[in-house]
N, C-alpha and C. Protein backbone atom coordinates (compact mmCIF):
# COMPACT_ATOMS: atom_id res chain seq x y z
N MET A 1 0.76 -1.15 0.75
CA MET A 1 0.20 -0.05 0.39
C MET A 1 0.56 1.51 -0.02
N LEU A 2 0.22 2.42 -0.77
CA LEU A 2 1.08 3.51 -0.35
C LEU A 2 0.74 4.36 0.92
N ASN A 3 2.07 4.80 1.18
CA ASN A 3 1.88 5.57 2.29
C ASN A 3 2.03 7.13 2.17
N LYS A 4 0.77 7.64 2.03
CA LYS A 4 0.39 9.15 2.14
C LYS A 4 0.81 9.71 3.29
N LYS A 5 1.51 10.54 2.91
CA LYS A 5 2.07 11.52 3.92
C LYS A 5 1.97 13.03 3.37
N GLY A 6 1.00 13.38 3.38
CA GLY A 6 0.43 15.32 2.85
C GLY A 6 -0.50 15.51 4.42
N GLN A 7 -0.51 16.97 3.76
CA GLN A 7 -1.46 17.59 4.81
C GLN A 7 -2.33 17.93 3.68
N GLY A 8 -3.62 17.72 4.16
CA GLY A 8 -4.33 18.38 3.46
C GLY A 8 -5.97 18.82 4.53
N LEU A 9 -6.36 19.42 3.76
CA LEU A 9 -7.44 20.05 4.28
C LEU A 9 -8.42 19.16 4.21
N GLN A 10 -9.78 18.75 5.22
CA GLN A 10 -10.88 17.64 5.36
C GLN A 10 -11.96 18.36 4.62
N VAL A 11 -12.51 17.95 4.00
CA VAL A 11 -14.21 17.99 3.17
C VAL A 11 -14.98 18.88 4.68
N SER A 12 -14.83 18.80 5.60
CA SER A 12 -15.73 19.85 6.69
C SER A 12 -15.18 21.30 6.96
N THR A 13 -13.59 21.65 6.46
CA THR A 13 -12.69 22.19 6.37
C THR A 13 -13.50 23.05 5.47
N VAL A 14 -13.41 22.78 4.40
CA VAL A 14 -13.97 23.30 3.16
C VAL A 14 -14.88 24.03 3.06
N ILE A 15 -16.37 23.14 3.67
CA ILE A 15 -17.17 23.92 3.69
C ILE A 15 -17.71 24.66 4.93
N ILE A 16 -16.92 24.83 5.65
CA ILE A 16 -16.79 25.72 6.56
C ILE A 16 -16.56 27.44 5.75
N ILE A 17 -14.94 26.86 4.92
CA ILE A 17 -14.79 28.03 4.78
C ILE A 17 -15.44 28.63 3.30
N ILE A 18 -16.82 28.04 2.46
CA ILE A 18 -17.00 28.26 1.85
C ILE A 18 -18.48 28.89 2.49
N LEU A 19 -19.22 28.10 2.85
CA LEU A 19 -19.71 28.99 3.94
C LEU A 19 -19.79 30.16 4.43
N ALA A 20 -18.74 30.56 5.06
CA ALA A 20 -18.12 31.89 5.54
C ALA A 20 -18.55 32.93 4.67
N LEU A 21 -17.76 32.27 3.47
CA LEU A 21 -17.54 33.15 2.39
C LEU A 21 -18.58 33.65 2.22
N LEU A 22 -19.91 32.71 1.89
CA LEU A 22 -20.94 33.17 1.14
C LEU A 22 -21.47 34.39 2.71
N VAL A 23 -21.32 33.90 3.56
CA VAL A 23 -22.18 35.14 4.44
C VAL A 23 -21.40 36.56 4.12
N LEU A 24 -20.17 36.26 3.54
CA LEU A 24 -19.41 37.91 4.17
C LEU A 24 -20.00 38.68 2.78
N VAL A 25 -20.20 37.52 1.76
CA VAL A 25 -20.76 38.38 0.64
C VAL A 25 -22.38 38.99 1.22
N ILE A 26 -23.01 37.72 1.42
CA ILE A 26 -24.80 38.42 1.92
C ILE A 26 -24.32 39.56 2.67
N LEU A 27 -23.73 39.66 3.56
CA LEU A 27 -23.62 40.73 4.59
C LEU A 27 -22.82 41.95 3.89
N ALA A 28 -22.24 42.09 3.06
CA ALA A 28 -21.71 43.29 1.91
C ALA A 28 -23.04 43.61 0.81
N VAL A 29 -23.88 42.78 0.98
CA VAL A 29 -24.43 43.07 -0.39
C VAL A 29 -25.78 43.83 0.70
N ILE A 30 -26.08 43.51 1.63
CA ILE A 30 -26.98 44.29 3.19
C ILE A 30 -26.70 45.57 3.62
N VAL A 31 -25.47 45.58 3.30
CA VAL A 31 -25.20 46.73 4.26
C VAL A 31 -24.73 47.75 2.83
N THR A 32 -24.44 47.35 1.80
CA THR A 32 -24.31 48.03 0.34
C THR A 32 -25.68 48.89 0.44
N GLY A 33 -26.82 48.10 0.66
CA GLY A 33 -28.29 48.83 0.23
C GLY A 33 -28.55 47.49 -1.15
N GLY A 34 -27.99 47.13 -1.58
CA GLY A 34 -28.44 46.14 -2.73
C GLY A 34 -29.03 45.37 -2.40
N PHE A 35 -29.55 44.89 -1.19
CA PHE A 35 -30.44 44.04 -0.90
C PHE A 35 -31.72 44.29 -1.62
N ALA A 36 -32.53 45.54 -1.37
CA ALA A 36 -33.50 46.24 -1.55
C ALA A 36 -33.61 45.65 -3.10
N GLU A 37 -32.78 46.02 -4.13
CA GLU A 37 -32.87 46.11 -5.18
C GLU A 37 -33.26 44.61 -6.01
N PHE A 38 -32.40 44.06 -5.10
CA PHE A 38 -32.29 42.67 -5.43
C PHE A 38 -33.70 41.71 -4.92
N ALA A 39 -34.05 42.86 -3.99
CA ALA A 39 -35.49 41.53 -3.47
C ALA A 39 -36.24 42.29 -4.13
N GLU A 40 -36.34 43.09 -4.56
CA GLU A 40 -37.57 43.77 -5.78
C GLU A 40 -37.43 42.78 -7.00
N LYS A 41 -36.57 42.78 -7.39
CA LYS A 41 -36.57 41.92 -8.83
C LYS A 41 -36.77 40.35 -9.18
N ILE A 42 -36.08 39.79 -7.68
CA ILE A 42 -36.60 38.45 -7.65
C ILE A 42 -37.92 38.36 -6.80
N GLY A 43 -39.09 39.75 -6.50
CA GLY A 43 -40.42 39.45 -5.82
C GLY A 43 -40.55 39.59 -4.26
N PHE A 44 -39.29 39.17 -3.74
CA PHE A 44 -39.43 39.35 -2.57
C PHE A 44 -39.76 40.49 -1.72
N ILE A 45 -39.57 41.38 -2.19
CA ILE A 45 -40.63 42.82 -1.68
C ILE A 45 -41.25 43.38 -2.72
N LYS A 46 -41.95 43.82 -2.72
CA LYS A 46 -42.79 44.63 -3.81
C LYS A 46 -42.77 45.86 -3.78
N LYS A 47 -42.48 46.57 -4.93
CA LYS A 47 -42.74 47.86 -4.75
C LYS A 47 -43.88 48.69 -4.74
N THR A 48 -43.54 49.05 -3.46
CA THR A 48 -44.91 50.03 -2.81
C THR A 48 -44.94 51.37 -3.52
N SER A 49 -45.80 51.93 -4.45
CA SER A 49 -46.41 53.11 -4.68
C SER A 49 -46.84 53.76 -3.59
N ILE A 50 -46.93 55.37 -3.78
CA ILE A 50 -47.54 55.73 -2.81
C ILE A 50 -48.66 57.62 -3.70
N SER A 51 -49.91 57.32 -3.09
CA SER A 51 -50.31 58.86 -3.82
C SER A 51 -49.38 60.00 -3.47
N LEU A 52 -49.49 61.07 -4.36
CA LEU A 52 -49.42 61.94 -4.30
C LEU A 52 -49.22 63.02 -3.48
N ASP A 53 -50.86 62.36 -3.16
CA ASP A 53 -51.35 63.60 -1.69
C ASP A 53 -51.11 62.63 -0.30
N ASP A 54 -50.94 61.13 -0.61
CA ASP A 54 -50.44 61.11 0.88
C ASP A 54 -49.08 60.87 1.48
N ALA A 55 -48.09 61.05 -0.40
CA ALA A 55 -46.80 61.76 0.04
C ALA A 55 -46.77 63.48 0.74
N LYS A 56 -47.09 64.58 0.44
CA LYS A 56 -47.85 65.36 0.64
C LYS A 56 -48.11 65.22 2.25
N LEU A 57 -48.93 64.75 2.32
CA LEU A 57 -49.46 64.68 3.76
C LEU A 57 -48.13 64.37 4.66
N ASP A 58 -47.45 63.27 4.32
CA ASP A 58 -45.74 62.81 5.20
C ASP A 58 -45.03 63.95 5.17
N CYS A 59 -44.91 64.28 4.21
CA CYS A 59 -43.83 65.59 4.34
C CYS A 59 -44.24 66.08 5.03
N GLN A 60 -45.71 66.95 4.89
CA GLN A 60 -45.86 68.12 6.16
C GLN A 60 -46.00 67.92 7.47
N SER A 61 -46.13 66.09 7.81
CA SER A 61 -45.81 65.54 9.37
C SER A 61 -44.30 65.92 9.73
N TRP A 62 -43.76 65.31 8.70
CA TRP A 62 -42.01 65.77 8.76
C TRP A 62 -41.51 66.77 9.54
N CYS A 63 -42.19 67.83 8.61
CA CYS A 63 -41.75 69.36 8.52
C CYS A 63 -42.45 69.87 10.38
N ASN A 64 -43.56 69.10 10.52
CA ASN A 64 -43.79 69.87 11.90
C ASN A 64 -43.29 69.03 13.13
N SER A 65 -42.92 67.88 12.74
CA SER A 65 -42.19 67.14 13.78
C SER A 65 -40.84 68.16 14.34
N PRO A 66 -41.34 67.38 16.02
CA PRO A 66 -40.55 68.47 16.90
C PRO A 66 -39.29 67.40 16.77
N ASN A 67 -39.07 65.91 16.20
CA ASN A 67 -37.97 65.65 16.24
C ASN A 67 -37.00 65.65 14.99
N SER A 68 -35.81 66.49 15.88
CA SER A 68 -34.94 66.53 14.30
C SER A 68 -34.80 65.42 13.10
N ASP A 69 -34.28 64.94 13.41
CA ASP A 69 -34.18 63.54 12.40
C ASP A 69 -34.91 63.49 12.20
N ILE A 70 -35.93 63.21 12.19
CA ILE A 70 -37.66 62.79 11.72
C ILE A 70 -37.64 64.02 10.48
N ARG A 71 -37.26 65.31 10.83
CA ARG A 71 -37.55 66.48 9.95
C ARG A 71 -36.43 66.40 8.63
N LYS A 72 -35.62 65.90 8.86
CA LYS A 72 -34.94 65.77 8.21
C LYS A 72 -35.17 64.88 7.05
N LYS A 73 -36.07 64.10 7.08
CA LYS A 73 -35.89 63.43 6.25
C LYS A 73 -36.87 63.86 4.74
N PHE A 74 -37.50 65.36 5.29
CA PHE A 74 -38.01 65.93 4.41
C PHE A 74 -37.14 66.46 3.13
N CYS A 75 -35.78 66.25 3.52
CA CYS A 75 -34.74 66.69 2.41
C CYS A 75 -34.79 65.57 1.47
N GLY A 76 -35.15 63.98 1.45
CA GLY A 76 -35.14 63.42 0.52
C GLY A 76 -33.89 62.75 0.65
N SER A 77 -33.28 62.11 1.51
CA SER A 77 -32.23 60.98 0.97
C SER A 77 -32.24 60.06 -0.31
N ARG A 78 -32.09 58.62 -0.13
CA ARG A 78 -32.32 57.69 -0.82
C ARG A 78 -32.90 57.30 -0.36
N THR A 79 -33.39 57.27 0.58
CA THR A 79 -34.46 56.10 1.88
C THR A 79 -35.65 56.65 2.26
N ASP A 80 -35.62 58.19 2.09
CA ASP A 80 -36.60 58.74 2.56
C ASP A 80 -37.55 59.80 1.25
N LYS A 81 -37.48 58.93 -0.20
CA LYS A 81 -37.83 59.65 -1.45
C LYS A 81 -38.74 58.10 -1.58
N PHE A 82 -39.53 59.08 -2.42
CA PHE A 82 -41.03 58.55 -2.15
C PHE A 82 -41.47 57.85 -3.94
N LYS A 83 -41.92 56.56 -3.73
CA LYS A 83 -42.06 56.15 -5.28
C LYS A 83 -43.75 55.96 -5.25
N ILE A 84 -43.67 57.12 -6.81
CA ILE A 84 -44.55 57.64 -7.29
C ILE A 84 -44.71 57.48 -8.26
N ASP A 85 -46.16 57.13 -9.71
CA ASP A 85 -46.26 56.63 -10.75
C ASP A 85 -46.91 58.16 -11.49
N SER A 86 -46.27 58.89 -11.11
CA SER A 86 -46.79 60.56 -11.51
C SER A 86 -47.78 60.30 -13.07
N ASP A 87 -47.13 59.71 -13.80
CA ASP A 87 -47.12 59.55 -15.10
C ASP A 87 -48.33 58.43 -15.62
N GLY A 88 -48.51 58.02 -14.92
CA GLY A 88 -49.73 56.55 -14.75
C GLY A 88 -48.82 55.66 -16.31
N ASP A 89 -47.61 55.49 -16.18
CA ASP A 89 -47.01 54.53 -17.06
C ASP A 89 -46.43 53.06 -16.77
N GLY A 90 -46.99 53.14 -15.38
CA GLY A 90 -46.70 51.79 -14.53
C GLY A 90 -45.35 51.64 -13.67
N LYS A 91 -44.65 52.56 -14.08
CA LYS A 91 -43.09 52.63 -13.24
C LYS A 91 -42.80 53.99 -12.15
N ASP A 92 -42.44 53.63 -11.19
CA ASP A 92 -42.33 54.34 -10.09
C ASP A 92 -40.94 55.40 -10.11
N GLU A 93 -41.73 56.74 -10.24
CA GLU A 93 -40.39 57.76 -9.92
C GLU A 93 -40.27 57.96 -8.45
N LEU A 94 -38.83 58.65 -8.35
CA LEU A 94 -38.37 58.66 -6.75
C LEU A 94 -38.60 60.44 -6.65
N TYR A 95 -39.19 60.98 -5.63
CA TYR A 95 -39.49 61.98 -5.40
C TYR A 95 -39.20 62.13 -3.85
N SER A 96 -38.80 63.73 -3.43
CA SER A 96 -38.49 64.08 -2.55
C SER A 96 -39.80 64.79 -2.47
N CYS A 97 -39.27 65.55 -0.80
CA CYS A 97 -40.29 66.69 -1.06
C CYS A 97 -40.09 67.67 -1.62
N GLU A 98 -39.35 67.60 -1.68
CA GLU A 98 -38.53 69.33 -2.38
C GLU A 98 -38.88 69.27 -3.74
N ASP A 99 -38.69 67.72 -4.46
CA ASP A 99 -39.29 67.56 -5.71
C ASP A 99 -40.99 67.90 -5.55
N LEU A 100 -41.97 67.86 -4.89
CA LEU A 100 -42.84 67.47 -5.08
C LEU A 100 -43.62 69.24 -4.69
N GLY A 101 -42.88 70.19 -4.67
CA GLY A 101 -43.13 71.60 -4.79
C GLY A 101 -42.95 72.03 -3.29
N LEU A 102 -42.79 71.69 -2.06
CA LEU A 102 -43.34 71.52 -0.85
C LEU A 102 -42.03 72.53 -0.33
N ALA A 103 -41.98 73.39 0.95
CA ALA A 103 -41.09 74.02 1.22
C ALA A 103 -41.23 73.56 2.84
N CYS A 104 -40.22 73.51 3.65
CA CYS A 104 -40.35 73.40 5.23
C CYS A 104 -39.50 74.59 5.99
N PRO A 105 -39.95 75.71 6.50
CA PRO A 105 -38.53 76.36 6.80
C PRO A 105 -37.81 75.94 8.16
N ALA A 106 -38.44 74.51 8.86
CA ALA A 106 -37.68 74.31 9.67
C ALA A 106 -36.70 73.39 9.55
N VAL A 107 -36.34 73.49 8.13
CA VAL A 107 -35.28 72.23 7.99
C VAL A 107 -34.10 72.99 6.68
N ASP A 108 -33.27 73.06 6.83
CA ASP A 108 -32.70 73.17 5.94
C ASP A 108 -31.66 72.03 5.08
N CYS A 109 -32.73 72.09 4.04
CA CYS A 109 -31.73 70.99 2.83
C CYS A 109 -30.40 70.92 2.32
N SER A 110 -29.68 72.12 2.62
CA SER A 110 -28.19 72.70 1.74
C SER A 110 -27.23 71.49 2.25
């Protein structure tokens, strides 16, 4: 018989390494914000449109909020924009409160 004297990785170690790399890739996608887009594409999360009137009501409530962090939503960072199908083509466009023509003296968006 052949006497094999080599150092090798066990199959279980290789599987653990592959799983750890997969978890790191998933975490990177989630942290960079790509999960929402990916989830929408596969149908895991449905796009939720909002009516123009509801968006304006939300903007007014953000502006009138005593909480400064909530008032900052008025400026419309990527996550605070509304998905509105304004032209009826079935595709949502993103709008901030400023895009809707609203002003909030309590908030400086510059």
